[in-house]
Every structure is written in structure tokens, then in C-alpha cells.
Protein backbone atom coordinates (compact mmCIF):
# COMPACT_ATOMS: atom_id res chain seq x y z
CA UNK A 1 -110.47 70.28 -123.16
CA UNK A 2 -113.67 69.32 -121.31
CA UNK A 3 -116.87 69.22 -123.33
CA UNK A 4 -119.29 72.10 -122.69
CA UNK A 5 -121.97 71.37 -120.13
CA UNK A 6 -125.36 73.00 -120.39
CA UNK A 7 -127.67 74.06 -117.61
CA UNK A 8 -131.29 75.07 -117.88
CA UNK A 9 -132.55 78.15 -116.09
CA UNK A 10 -136.21 78.47 -116.91
CA UNK A 11 -136.35 78.81 -120.67
CA UNK A 12 -132.69 79.93 -120.92
CA UNK A 13 -129.84 77.53 -121.54
CA UNK A 14 -126.38 78.53 -120.34
CA UNK A 15 -123.33 76.62 -121.48
CA UNK A 16 -120.32 76.30 -119.22
CA UNK A 17 -117.47 78.08 -120.97
CA UNK A 18 -113.88 76.98 -120.44
CA UNK A 19 -110.86 79.25 -120.22
CA UNK A 20 -107.59 77.34 -120.60
CA UNK A 21 -104.98 79.38 -118.74
CA UNK A 22 -102.58 76.47 -118.24
CA UNK A 23 -98.98 77.58 -118.65
CA UNK A 24 -99.79 81.26 -118.11
CA UNK A 25 -98.13 83.09 -115.22
CA UNK A 26 -99.57 85.69 -112.84
CA UNK A 27 -101.36 88.00 -113.53
CA UNK A 28 -102.52 86.58 -116.90
CA UNK A 29 -104.95 83.90 -115.62
CA UNK A 30 -106.88 86.47 -113.58
CA UNK A 31 -106.81 89.11 -116.32
CA UNK A 32 -108.09 86.66 -118.95
CA UNK A 33 -110.74 85.39 -116.52
CA UNK A 34 -111.88 88.94 -115.76
CA UNK A 35 -112.21 89.77 -119.46
CA UNK A 36 -114.16 86.57 -120.18
CA UNK A 37 -116.50 87.17 -117.21
CA UNK A 38 -117.29 90.68 -118.46
CA UNK A 39 -118.90 89.20 -121.57
CA UNK A 40 -121.07 86.69 -119.71
CA UNK A 41 -124.56 87.24 -118.29
CA UNK A 42 -125.23 86.83 -114.54
CA UNK A 43 -125.61 83.16 -113.66
CA UNK A 44 -123.31 81.97 -116.44
CA UNK A 45 -120.62 79.46 -115.50
CA UNK A 46 -116.95 79.77 -116.44
CA UNK A 47 -114.45 76.96 -115.82
CA UNK A 48 -110.86 78.19 -115.59
CA UNK A 49 -107.96 75.75 -115.89
CA UNK A 50 -104.64 77.00 -114.51
CA UNK A 51 -101.23 75.65 -113.51
CA UNK A 52 -99.68 78.75 -111.93
CA UNK A 53 -99.61 78.14 -108.13
CA UNK A 54 -100.47 81.80 -107.48
CA UNK A 55 -103.81 81.29 -109.26
CA UNK A 56 -104.86 79.18 -106.24
CA UNK A 57 -104.87 82.45 -104.26
CA UNK A 58 -105.63 85.09 -106.90
CA UNK A 59 -108.70 83.59 -108.61
CA UNK A 60 -110.74 82.84 -105.44
CA UNK A 61 -109.76 86.26 -104.03
CA UNK A 62 -110.93 88.04 -107.19
CA UNK A 63 -114.19 86.06 -107.11
CA UNK A 64 -114.86 86.92 -103.44
CA UNK A 65 -114.17 90.61 -104.10
CA UNK A 66 -116.57 90.68 -107.07
CA UNK A 67 -119.37 88.45 -105.76
CA UNK A 68 -118.78 85.42 -107.99
CA UNK A 69 -119.13 82.00 -106.31
CA UNK A 70 -116.04 79.91 -107.03
CA UNK A 71 -115.43 76.16 -106.56
CA UNK A 72 -111.87 74.79 -106.64
CA UNK A 73 -110.81 71.28 -107.62
CA UNK A 74 -107.70 69.55 -108.94
CA UNK A 75 -107.88 68.15 -112.49
CA UNK A 76 -104.71 66.10 -112.96
CA UNK A 77 -101.78 68.52 -113.01
CA UNK A 78 -104.05 71.56 -113.32
CA UNK A 79 -106.39 73.44 -111.02
CA UNK A 80 -109.97 74.01 -112.09
CA UNK A 81 -111.99 76.94 -110.81
CA UNK A 82 -115.71 76.76 -111.60
CA UNK A 83 -117.05 80.30 -111.36
CA UNK A 84 -120.69 81.37 -111.49
CA UNK A 85 -120.99 85.02 -112.49
CA UNK A 86 -122.76 86.94 -109.73
């Protein structure tokens, strides 16, 4: 699992949280991501790791619909979605 990364926003420090959804099938990666995002403040960053091919469509779609910027990249055999809560 990647080490947490911290970012400074003024006097606040936000750590990048990681959600490991590798091996989970649709709709679980999106449902777990949604629940984790609910507990984060705006501007927080969540990295989601997934292997389900449908996540490539579902996670960016969810993020667009809810105003969360999302960056996609491949990490070995997994996909990583870096989401900033809007």
C-alpha cells in the first residue's frame, strides 16, 4: 500500500487516504469510495485502487456527477483514481 502523502493548505494538513478496492467487483468499489468520501472534508484527497474493469467507467462518472476532480493512472495491474473531494 502506498505511504500517505500530506499536503499543506494554509495551516491545515490533509493526508491522502487510500482505499484498496482491488479484487472487488461492481458496484462495491464505487459504493466504498462514496462512503469514504462522505467522511472527508472538501479538498481532501482519496486514492482508490481497483482492478475491476468497470471501475474505469464508474468511478470517473461518479466523480463528474458529484463535482470531484478525478485523475486516472495505471499502477501495475491496478488502476489508481486520485480524487479530490469537491
